[in-house]
């Protein structure tokens, strides 16, 4: 197995775990402190803002390579097993539907873009 395929597999696993943490954080059986920590880890993993900006060589990606997996590991260790199992099952179901979700997201973006263009055209006609 090549290094690139190993990295792809690891990255897919991280995506699955982030989705699972999201579902676990919304589960009422999850203790409040673990729920808050899970939301923080998910928010940091999905946030475009990092503690160390990505444009800084080496260090920029270090927080993504260490902090996110460490946060996932910690929350997974603290979650009740039945909650984690159910959350992973839901995350797997979500990734199976991912092309449909991406298509729906694309449609929403296109609707917003069309609305913005229509609004700009209307304003341009009013001001001209």
N, C-alpha and C. Protein backbone atom coordinates (compact mmCIF):
# COMPACT_ATOMS: atom_id res chain seq x y z
N UNK A 1 0.86 -1.18 0.00
CA UNK A 1 0.00 0.00 0.00
C UNK A 1 0.90 1.24 0.00
N UNK A 2 0.61 2.16 -0.89
CA UNK A 2 1.45 3.34 -1.01
C UNK A 2 1.11 4.36 0.08
N UNK A 3 2.01 5.30 0.25
CA UNK A 3 1.81 6.34 1.26
C UNK A 3 0.57 7.18 0.96
N UNK A 4 0.35 7.50 -0.32
CA UNK A 4 -0.81 8.32 -0.68
C UNK A 4 -2.12 7.60 -0.39
N UNK A 5 -2.20 6.32 -0.69
CA UNK A 5 -3.44 5.60 -0.41
C UNK A 5 -3.66 5.45 1.10
N UNK A 6 -2.58 5.31 1.84
CA UNK A 6 -2.68 5.26 3.30
C UNK A 6 -3.20 6.58 3.85
N UNK A 7 -2.68 7.69 3.32
CA UNK A 7 -3.13 9.01 3.75
C UNK A 7 -4.59 9.26 3.38
N UNK A 8 -4.99 8.81 2.19
CA UNK A 8 -6.40 8.96 1.79
C UNK A 8 -7.33 8.18 2.72
N UNK A 9 -6.94 6.97 3.04
CA UNK A 9 -7.74 6.16 3.95
C UNK A 9 -7.83 6.82 5.31
N UNK A 10 -6.72 7.35 5.81
CA UNK A 10 -6.69 8.03 7.11
C UNK A 10 -7.59 9.27 7.08
N UNK A 11 -7.52 10.04 5.98
CA UNK A 11 -8.33 11.25 5.86
C UNK A 11 -9.82 10.91 5.81
N UNK A 12 -10.18 9.83 5.09
CA UNK A 12 -11.59 9.40 5.06
C UNK A 12 -12.05 9.00 6.46
N UNK A 13 -11.17 8.34 7.19
CA UNK A 13 -11.51 7.95 8.56
C UNK A 13 -11.73 9.16 9.45
N UNK A 14 -10.91 10.19 9.27
CA UNK A 14 -11.09 11.42 10.05
C UNK A 14 -12.43 12.08 9.72
N UNK A 15 -12.78 12.13 8.44
CA UNK A 15 -14.06 12.72 8.04
C UNK A 15 -15.21 11.96 8.69
N UNK A 16 -15.12 10.65 8.68
CA UNK A 16 -16.17 9.82 9.29
C UNK A 16 -16.27 10.10 10.78
N UNK A 17 -15.11 10.21 11.44
CA UNK A 17 -15.12 10.44 12.89
C UNK A 17 -15.66 11.83 13.23
N UNK A 18 -15.35 12.84 12.42
CA UNK A 18 -15.88 14.18 12.66
C UNK A 18 -17.40 14.16 12.52
N UNK A 19 -17.90 13.48 11.50
CA UNK A 19 -19.36 13.36 11.34
C UNK A 19 -19.96 12.59 12.51
N UNK A 20 -19.30 11.54 12.95
CA UNK A 20 -19.79 10.75 14.09
C UNK A 20 -19.82 11.60 15.36
N UNK A 21 -18.80 12.42 15.56
CA UNK A 21 -18.77 13.29 16.74
C UNK A 21 -19.91 14.30 16.70
N UNK A 22 -20.23 14.78 15.51
CA UNK A 22 -21.35 15.71 15.38
C UNK A 22 -22.65 15.03 15.82
N UNK A 23 -22.87 13.81 15.34
CA UNK A 23 -24.09 13.09 15.71
C UNK A 23 -24.09 12.75 17.20
N UNK A 24 -22.93 12.37 17.73
CA UNK A 24 -22.84 12.03 19.16
C UNK A 24 -23.09 13.26 20.03
N UNK A 25 -22.63 14.42 19.58
CA UNK A 25 -22.82 15.65 20.36
C UNK A 25 -24.29 16.04 20.42
N UNK A 26 -25.05 15.63 19.44
CA UNK A 26 -26.48 15.96 19.42
C UNK A 26 -27.32 14.91 20.13
N UNK A 27 -26.70 13.81 20.53
CA UNK A 27 -27.42 12.73 21.20
C UNK A 27 -27.66 13.09 22.66
N UNK A 28 -28.90 13.00 23.16
CA UNK A 28 -29.18 13.36 24.55
C UNK A 28 -28.51 12.43 25.58
N UNK A 29 -28.06 11.26 25.15
CA UNK A 29 -27.38 10.34 26.08
C UNK A 29 -25.93 10.74 26.33
N UNK A 30 -25.41 11.69 25.55
CA UNK A 30 -24.03 12.14 25.72
C UNK A 30 -23.96 13.11 26.89
N UNK A 31 -23.03 12.89 27.82
CA UNK A 31 -22.89 13.82 28.95
C UNK A 31 -22.59 15.24 28.46
N UNK A 32 -23.06 16.23 29.21
CA UNK A 32 -22.96 17.63 28.80
C UNK A 32 -21.52 18.06 28.51
N UNK A 33 -20.57 17.73 29.36
CA UNK A 33 -19.19 18.13 29.14
C UNK A 33 -18.60 17.52 27.87
N UNK A 34 -18.91 16.26 27.63
CA UNK A 34 -18.43 15.57 26.42
C UNK A 34 -19.10 16.17 25.19
N UNK A 35 -20.37 16.52 25.35
CA UNK A 35 -21.11 17.15 24.24
C UNK A 35 -20.47 18.46 23.83
N UNK A 36 -20.12 19.29 24.80
CA UNK A 36 -19.47 20.58 24.52
C UNK A 36 -18.12 20.36 23.86
N UNK A 37 -17.34 19.43 24.40
CA UNK A 37 -16.03 19.13 23.82
C UNK A 37 -16.17 18.61 22.39
N UNK A 38 -17.16 17.76 22.15
CA UNK A 38 -17.38 17.23 20.80
C UNK A 38 -17.73 18.35 19.83
N UNK A 39 -18.62 19.27 20.24
CA UNK A 39 -18.96 20.40 19.38
C UNK A 39 -17.73 21.26 19.09
N UNK A 40 -16.87 21.47 20.08
CA UNK A 40 -15.65 22.26 19.87
C UNK A 40 -14.72 21.58 18.87
N UNK A 41 -14.56 20.27 19.00
CA UNK A 41 -13.68 19.53 18.08
C UNK A 41 -14.25 19.59 16.66
N UNK A 42 -15.55 19.36 16.52
CA UNK A 42 -16.18 19.41 15.19
C UNK A 42 -16.06 20.81 14.60
N UNK A 43 -16.32 21.83 15.40
CA UNK A 43 -16.22 23.21 14.92
C UNK A 43 -14.80 23.54 14.48
N UNK A 44 -13.81 23.11 15.26
CA UNK A 44 -12.43 23.38 14.88
C UNK A 44 -12.04 22.61 13.62
N UNK A 45 -12.50 21.36 13.51
CA UNK A 45 -12.16 20.55 12.34
C UNK A 45 -12.76 21.14 11.06
N UNK A 46 -13.95 21.72 11.16
CA UNK A 46 -14.62 22.26 9.98
C UNK A 46 -14.35 23.74 9.75
N UNK A 47 -13.74 24.40 10.71
CA UNK A 47 -13.52 25.84 10.62
C UNK A 47 -12.39 26.17 9.64
N UNK A 48 -12.59 27.21 8.85
CA UNK A 48 -11.49 27.66 7.98
C UNK A 48 -10.43 28.44 8.74
N UNK A 49 -10.69 28.76 10.00
CA UNK A 49 -9.74 29.51 10.81
C UNK A 49 -9.00 28.54 11.73
N UNK A 50 -7.68 28.57 11.67
CA UNK A 50 -6.84 27.69 12.49
C UNK A 50 -6.08 28.50 13.53
N UNK A 51 -5.62 27.81 14.57
CA UNK A 51 -4.76 28.47 15.55
C UNK A 51 -3.47 28.95 14.90
N UNK A 52 -2.92 28.11 14.04
CA UNK A 52 -1.72 28.46 13.28
C UNK A 52 -2.13 28.50 11.81
N UNK A 53 -2.06 29.65 11.15
CA UNK A 53 -2.50 29.74 9.75
C UNK A 53 -1.75 28.76 8.85
N UNK A 54 -2.48 28.19 7.88
CA UNK A 54 -1.91 27.16 7.00
C UNK A 54 -0.79 27.68 6.11
N UNK A 55 -0.71 28.99 5.87
CA UNK A 55 0.34 29.49 4.99
C UNK A 55 1.71 29.50 5.65
N UNK A 56 1.80 29.28 6.95
CA UNK A 56 3.09 29.17 7.63
C UNK A 56 3.64 27.78 7.34
N UNK A 57 4.81 27.70 6.71
CA UNK A 57 5.34 26.39 6.31
C UNK A 57 5.45 25.42 7.50
N UNK A 58 5.10 24.21 7.28
CA UNK A 58 5.14 23.08 8.20
C UNK A 58 4.22 23.29 9.41
N UNK A 59 4.42 24.35 10.17
CA UNK A 59 3.62 24.58 11.37
C UNK A 59 2.15 24.80 11.06
N UNK A 60 1.85 25.34 9.88
CA UNK A 60 0.47 25.64 9.51
C UNK A 60 -0.40 24.40 9.44
N UNK A 61 0.19 23.29 9.01
CA UNK A 61 -0.58 22.05 8.92
C UNK A 61 -0.41 21.18 10.15
N UNK A 62 0.50 21.53 11.01
CA UNK A 62 0.77 20.74 12.21
C UNK A 62 -0.43 20.71 13.15
N UNK A 63 -1.14 21.83 13.27
CA UNK A 63 -2.31 21.82 14.16
C UNK A 63 -3.40 20.91 13.60
N UNK A 64 -3.55 20.89 12.26
CA UNK A 64 -4.55 19.99 11.66
C UNK A 64 -4.15 18.53 11.82
N UNK A 65 -2.86 18.26 11.79
CA UNK A 65 -2.39 16.88 11.89
C UNK A 65 -2.32 16.38 13.33
N UNK A 66 -2.28 17.29 14.29
CA UNK A 66 -2.16 16.87 15.69
C UNK A 66 -3.42 17.20 16.50
N UNK A 67 -3.87 18.45 16.46
CA UNK A 67 -4.98 18.87 17.31
C UNK A 67 -6.30 18.17 16.98
N UNK A 68 -6.64 18.08 15.70
CA UNK A 68 -7.91 17.46 15.33
C UNK A 68 -7.93 15.98 15.70
N UNK A 69 -6.92 15.19 15.29
CA UNK A 69 -6.95 13.77 15.70
C UNK A 69 -6.89 13.60 17.22
N UNK A 70 -6.16 14.45 17.91
CA UNK A 70 -6.09 14.36 19.37
C UNK A 70 -7.45 14.67 20.00
N UNK A 71 -8.14 15.67 19.49
CA UNK A 71 -9.47 16.01 19.98
C UNK A 71 -10.46 14.89 19.70
N UNK A 72 -10.39 14.31 18.50
CA UNK A 72 -11.26 13.19 18.17
C UNK A 72 -11.00 12.02 19.11
N UNK A 73 -9.74 11.70 19.31
CA UNK A 73 -9.38 10.60 20.19
C UNK A 73 -9.93 10.81 21.61
N UNK A 74 -9.79 12.02 22.12
CA UNK A 74 -10.25 12.31 23.47
C UNK A 74 -11.77 12.16 23.59
N UNK A 75 -12.50 12.73 22.64
CA UNK A 75 -13.96 12.64 22.70
C UNK A 75 -14.42 11.19 22.54
N UNK A 76 -13.80 10.46 21.63
CA UNK A 76 -14.17 9.05 21.43
C UNK A 76 -13.95 8.26 22.71
N UNK A 77 -12.89 8.55 23.43
CA UNK A 77 -12.61 7.85 24.70
C UNK A 77 -13.65 8.19 25.77
N UNK A 78 -14.21 9.40 25.72
CA UNK A 78 -15.15 9.84 26.74
C UNK A 78 -16.61 9.49 26.44
N UNK A 79 -16.90 9.17 25.19
CA UNK A 79 -18.29 8.89 24.80
C UNK A 79 -18.74 7.51 25.30
N UNK A 80 -20.00 7.39 25.68
CA UNK A 80 -20.56 6.07 25.97
C UNK A 80 -20.51 5.21 24.70
N UNK A 81 -20.21 3.93 24.85
CA UNK A 81 -20.01 3.05 23.69
C UNK A 81 -21.23 2.96 22.79
N UNK A 82 -22.43 2.88 23.38
CA UNK A 82 -23.63 2.77 22.55
C UNK A 82 -23.88 4.04 21.75
N UNK A 83 -23.54 5.19 22.32
CA UNK A 83 -23.70 6.46 21.60
C UNK A 83 -22.70 6.52 20.45
N UNK A 84 -21.47 6.13 20.70
CA UNK A 84 -20.44 6.14 19.65
C UNK A 84 -20.81 5.19 18.52
N UNK A 85 -21.28 4.01 18.86
CA UNK A 85 -21.66 3.02 17.84
C UNK A 85 -22.78 3.57 16.96
N UNK A 86 -23.82 4.15 17.57
CA UNK A 86 -24.94 4.72 16.82
C UNK A 86 -24.48 5.91 15.97
N UNK A 87 -23.61 6.75 16.53
CA UNK A 87 -23.12 7.93 15.79
C UNK A 87 -22.28 7.50 14.59
N UNK A 88 -21.46 6.48 14.74
CA UNK A 88 -20.66 5.98 13.61
C UNK A 88 -21.56 5.38 12.54
N UNK A 89 -22.61 4.69 12.94
CA UNK A 89 -23.55 4.13 11.98
C UNK A 89 -24.21 5.25 11.18
N UNK A 90 -24.61 6.31 11.86
CA UNK A 90 -25.22 7.46 11.18
C UNK A 90 -24.22 8.17 10.26
N UNK A 91 -22.97 8.25 10.70
CA UNK A 91 -21.93 8.87 9.87
C UNK A 91 -21.68 8.05 8.61
N UNK A 92 -21.67 6.73 8.74
CA UNK A 92 -21.51 5.87 7.56
C UNK A 92 -22.67 6.05 6.58
N UNK A 93 -23.88 6.16 7.12
CA UNK A 93 -25.05 6.37 6.26
C UNK A 93 -24.95 7.72 5.55
N UNK A 94 -24.43 8.72 6.25
CA UNK A 94 -24.27 10.04 5.64
C UNK A 94 -23.25 10.00 4.51
N UNK A 95 -22.11 9.36 4.73
CA UNK A 95 -21.09 9.31 3.68
C UNK A 95 -21.57 8.51 2.49
N UNK A 96 -22.49 7.55 2.69
CA UNK A 96 -23.05 6.82 1.55
C UNK A 96 -23.92 7.73 0.71
N UNK A 97 -24.53 8.75 1.34
CA UNK A 97 -25.41 9.69 0.63
C UNK A 97 -24.65 10.95 0.20
N UNK A 98 -23.35 11.01 0.42
CA UNK A 98 -22.60 12.24 0.20
C UNK A 98 -22.76 12.83 -1.20
N UNK A 99 -22.74 12.04 -2.30
CA UNK A 99 -22.95 12.67 -3.60
C UNK A 99 -24.29 13.41 -3.69
N UNK A 100 -25.36 12.86 -3.09
CA UNK A 100 -26.66 13.53 -3.10
C UNK A 100 -26.61 14.80 -2.26
N UNK A 101 -25.90 14.75 -1.14
CA UNK A 101 -25.77 15.93 -0.27
C UNK A 101 -24.99 17.02 -0.99
N UNK A 102 -23.92 16.64 -1.68
CA UNK A 102 -23.13 17.62 -2.43
C UNK A 102 -23.95 18.23 -3.56
N UNK A 103 -24.75 17.42 -4.23
CA UNK A 103 -25.61 17.93 -5.30
C UNK A 103 -26.62 18.92 -4.74
N UNK A 104 -27.22 18.58 -3.60
CA UNK A 104 -28.17 19.49 -2.96
C UNK A 104 -27.48 20.79 -2.57
N UNK A 105 -26.26 20.71 -2.04
CA UNK A 105 -25.50 21.91 -1.69
C UNK A 105 -25.21 22.76 -2.91
N UNK A 106 -24.87 22.12 -4.01
CA UNK A 106 -24.60 22.83 -5.25
C UNK A 106 -25.85 23.56 -5.74
N UNK A 107 -27.00 22.91 -5.65
CA UNK A 107 -28.25 23.55 -6.05
C UNK A 107 -28.53 24.78 -5.19
N UNK A 108 -28.31 24.67 -3.88
CA UNK A 108 -28.53 25.80 -2.98
C UNK A 108 -27.59 26.96 -3.33
N UNK A 109 -26.33 26.64 -3.58
CA UNK A 109 -25.36 27.69 -3.95
C UNK A 109 -25.78 28.35 -5.26
N UNK A 110 -26.24 27.57 -6.22
CA UNK A 110 -26.68 28.14 -7.50
C UNK A 110 -27.91 29.04 -7.33
N UNK A 111 -28.82 28.65 -6.44
CA UNK A 111 -29.99 29.49 -6.16
C UNK A 111 -29.56 30.82 -5.56
N UNK A 112 -28.64 30.78 -4.59
CA UNK A 112 -28.14 32.02 -3.99
C UNK A 112 -27.41 32.88 -5.02
N UNK A 113 -26.62 32.25 -5.86
CA UNK A 113 -25.90 32.98 -6.89
C UNK A 113 -26.87 33.64 -7.87
N UNK A 114 -27.88 32.91 -8.30
CA UNK A 114 -28.88 33.47 -9.21
C UNK A 114 -29.63 34.62 -8.54
N UNK A 115 -29.94 34.47 -7.27
CA UNK A 115 -30.63 35.55 -6.53
C UNK A 115 -29.75 36.79 -6.44
N UNK A 116 -28.47 36.60 -6.17
CA UNK A 116 -27.55 37.73 -6.07
C UNK A 116 -27.41 38.44 -7.42
N UNK A 117 -27.34 37.67 -8.48
CA UNK A 117 -27.24 38.26 -9.82
C UNK A 117 -28.52 39.03 -10.16
N UNK A 118 -29.67 38.45 -9.85
CA UNK A 118 -30.95 39.13 -10.11
C UNK A 118 -31.05 40.42 -9.31
N UNK A 119 -30.64 40.38 -8.04
CA UNK A 119 -30.66 41.58 -7.21
C UNK A 119 -29.71 42.64 -7.76
N UNK A 120 -28.52 42.24 -8.17
CA UNK A 120 -27.55 43.20 -8.73
C UNK A 120 -28.09 43.81 -10.02
N UNK A 121 -28.71 43.00 -10.87
CA UNK A 121 -29.28 43.51 -12.11
C UNK A 121 -30.41 44.49 -11.82
N UNK A 122 -31.28 44.14 -10.86
CA UNK A 122 -32.38 45.02 -10.49
C UNK A 122 -31.86 46.35 -9.95
N UNK A 123 -30.84 46.30 -9.06
CA UNK A 123 -30.26 47.53 -8.53
C UNK A 123 -29.60 48.36 -9.63
N UNK A 124 -28.93 47.70 -10.55
CA UNK A 124 -28.27 48.41 -11.64
C UNK A 124 -29.31 49.11 -12.52
N UNK A 125 -30.44 48.46 -12.76
CA UNK A 125 -31.51 49.05 -13.57
C UNK A 125 -32.12 50.25 -12.84
N UNK A 126 -32.27 50.16 -11.52
CA UNK A 126 -32.86 51.24 -10.74
C UNK A 126 -31.96 52.46 -10.68
N UNK A 127 -30.65 52.21 -10.55
CA UNK A 127 -29.70 53.31 -10.38
C UNK A 127 -29.28 53.92 -11.72
N UNK A 128 -29.47 53.21 -12.83
CA UNK A 128 -29.02 53.70 -14.12
C UNK A 128 -29.96 54.72 -14.73
